[in-house]
Protein backbone atom coordinates (compact mmCIF):
# COMPACT_ATOMS: atom_id res chain seq x y z
CA MET A 1 -0.01 0.05 0.06
CA PRO A 2 1.48 3.46 -1.00
CA ALA A 3 2.12 5.96 1.92
CA PRO A 4 -0.58 8.66 1.87
CA LYS A 5 0.19 12.17 0.63
CA THR A 6 -0.19 14.38 3.80
CA PRO A 7 0.59 18.28 4.40
CA ALA A 8 4.49 19.24 5.57
CA LEU A 9 4.75 19.51 9.11
CA THR A 10 6.01 22.54 10.37
CA THR A 11 6.27 24.72 13.44
CA ASP A 12 6.10 28.38 14.49
CA ILE A 13 7.17 29.78 17.73
CA ILE A 14 6.07 33.29 19.49
CA ILE A 15 8.91 34.17 21.43
CA GLU A 16 8.45 36.38 24.47
CA LEU A 17 11.29 38.54 25.75
CA ARG A 18 11.01 38.16 29.57
CA ASP A 19 13.81 40.50 30.15
CA ARG A 20 11.97 43.62 28.57
CA PRO A 21 9.33 45.79 29.91
CA ASP A 22 5.95 44.70 28.47
CA VAL A 23 7.12 41.60 27.47
CA PRO A 24 7.48 42.02 23.67
CA ILE A 25 7.84 39.41 21.02
CA VAL A 26 10.26 38.68 18.11
CA LEU A 27 9.37 38.41 14.39
CA ILE A 28 11.62 37.77 11.59
CA ARG A 29 11.75 39.43 8.29
CA ARG A 30 11.98 36.78 5.64
CA LYS A 31 14.74 36.34 3.26
CA ASN A 32 12.89 33.92 0.88
CA PRO A 33 9.27 34.18 -0.62
CA PRO A 34 6.97 34.77 0.64
CA HIS A 35 8.47 38.04 1.95
CA GLY A 36 7.32 39.93 4.93
CA TRP A 37 7.34 39.42 8.68
CA ALA A 38 6.75 36.23 10.03
CA LEU A 39 7.04 33.87 13.19
CA PRO A 40 10.20 32.22 13.72
CA GLY A 41 9.89 28.64 12.15
CA GLY A 42 10.18 26.00 10.05
CA PHE A 43 10.00 22.47 8.65
CA VAL A 44 10.20 19.54 11.08
CA ASP A 45 12.93 17.32 10.25
CA VAL A 46 11.93 13.35 9.66
CA GLY A 47 12.69 11.61 13.04
CA GLU A 48 12.80 14.94 14.90
CA ALA A 49 9.95 15.75 17.66
CA VAL A 50 8.14 18.80 16.94
CA GLU A 51 9.19 20.66 20.21
CA HIS A 52 12.82 20.13 19.27
CA ALA A 53 12.11 21.39 15.94
CA ALA A 54 10.63 24.69 17.57
CA VAL A 55 13.63 25.10 19.80
CA ARG A 56 15.93 24.50 16.82
CA GLU A 57 14.33 26.75 14.43
CA ALA A 58 14.12 29.83 17.07
CA GLU A 59 17.95 29.33 17.61
CA GLU A 60 18.72 29.20 13.95
CA GLU A 61 16.55 32.33 12.93
CA THR A 62 17.09 34.50 15.92
CA ALA A 63 20.16 33.27 18.08
CA LEU A 64 17.75 32.97 21.02
CA ARG A 65 17.78 30.13 23.19
CA VAL A 66 14.07 29.24 24.09
CA THR A 67 12.22 27.52 26.72
CA LEU A 68 8.90 26.44 25.53
CA LYS A 69 5.84 27.66 27.80
CA MET A 70 2.77 26.01 26.07
CA LEU A 71 1.28 25.06 23.03
CA LEU A 72 -1.09 27.54 21.48
CA GLY A 73 -2.48 25.11 18.66
CA CYS A 74 -2.21 23.52 15.25
CA TYR A 75 -2.92 25.72 12.25
CA SER A 76 -3.71 23.55 8.99
CA ASP A 77 -5.87 25.68 6.60
CA PRO A 78 -4.68 24.28 3.27
CA ARG A 79 -4.27 28.02 1.99
CA ARG A 80 -2.02 29.20 4.95
CA ASP A 81 1.17 28.73 2.91
CA PRO A 82 1.12 29.80 -0.62
CA ARG A 83 4.16 27.30 -1.55
CA SER A 84 2.14 24.17 -0.35
CA HIS A 85 -0.08 22.54 2.22
CA THR A 86 1.48 22.72 5.72
CA ALA A 87 0.10 22.09 9.00
CA SER A 88 1.90 24.12 11.73
CA VAL A 89 2.22 23.29 15.50
CA VAL A 90 2.47 26.70 17.02
CA TYR A 91 4.31 27.22 20.35
CA VAL A 92 4.71 30.19 22.85
CA ALA A 93 8.23 30.21 24.29
CA GLU A 94 10.09 32.60 26.46
CA ALA A 95 13.77 33.91 26.21
CA LYS A 96 16.06 36.51 27.20
CA GLY A 97 18.75 38.27 25.30
CA GLU A 98 19.28 40.25 22.05
CA PRO A 99 17.87 38.75 18.79
CA ARG A 100 20.04 38.35 15.86
CA ALA A 101 18.76 37.50 12.25
CA GLN A 102 20.36 34.18 10.93
CA ASP A 103 19.82 31.36 8.69
CA ASP A 104 16.80 32.53 6.25
CA ALA A 105 15.91 35.61 8.18
CA ALA A 106 16.92 38.63 6.49
CA GLY A 107 16.08 40.66 9.89
CA VAL A 108 14.92 40.20 13.19
CA ALA A 109 13.10 42.61 15.23
CA ILE A 110 11.12 43.24 18.52
CA PHE A 111 7.29 44.28 18.59
CA SER A 112 4.49 44.84 21.04
CA PRO A 113 1.94 42.04 20.08
CA GLU A 114 -0.56 44.98 19.98
CA ALA A 115 1.48 46.89 17.24
CA LEU A 116 2.64 44.41 14.74
CA PRO A 117 4.24 44.96 11.34
CA SER A 118 2.88 44.59 7.85
CA PRO A 119 2.87 42.39 5.91
CA LEU A 120 2.74 39.22 8.03
CA VAL A 121 2.91 36.37 5.95
CA PHE A 122 1.27 32.80 6.05
CA ASP A 123 -1.51 32.93 8.56
CA HIS A 124 0.69 34.56 11.12
CA ALA A 125 -2.01 37.43 11.74
CA GLN A 126 -4.63 34.64 12.89
CA ILE A 127 -1.89 33.17 15.10
CA LEU A 128 -0.98 36.11 16.70
CA ARG A 129 -4.65 37.24 17.31
CA ASP A 130 -5.24 34.04 18.93
CA TYR A 131 -2.00 34.60 20.84
CA LEU A 132 -3.40 38.06 21.93
CA VAL A 133 -6.70 36.48 23.05
CA TRP A 134 -4.59 34.04 25.23
CA ARG A 135 -2.28 36.74 26.61
CA GLN A 136 -5.09 39.16 27.34
CA GLN A 137 -7.77 36.91 28.37
CA GLY A 138 -5.92 33.75 29.66
CA LYS A 139 -8.01 31.47 27.49
CA LEU A 140 -7.43 30.17 24.02
CA PRO A 141 -9.98 30.67 21.49
CA ALA A 142 -12.14 28.18 19.97
CA PRO A 143 -10.68 26.62 16.91
CA GLN A 144 -11.78 28.04 13.44
CA ILE A 145 -12.74 25.81 10.74
CA ALA A 146 -11.54 26.91 7.38
């Protein structure tokens, strides 16, 4: 029996900088298409746990060593990535220090979650809206059916 064709598995990380007032978050400016601002993240390697991939991708793109705090959710709308169908496991993490753009990040910047840059790529605007609900209300919004 042939293996089923499934979406590619990815992970995205909302990095809170705990050593700064108001606990801002870190976004990267993408070097490769689609261009724009994004959460740090990337593809999970075969044989790699999603949690490990999240920590690895955060460090590869921002030079920050993160501690995962919680699972925000799984985002899998087939239209979330214009390159192909992906499903992303999204974590909230914390770090301290100064982020530096590395790997496929053309830039890195720190933002208040209430004042985000544009354009945000993929479905990261929706992910960050869900994160803001959690941050302000202490609860996750109900999953949305695409």
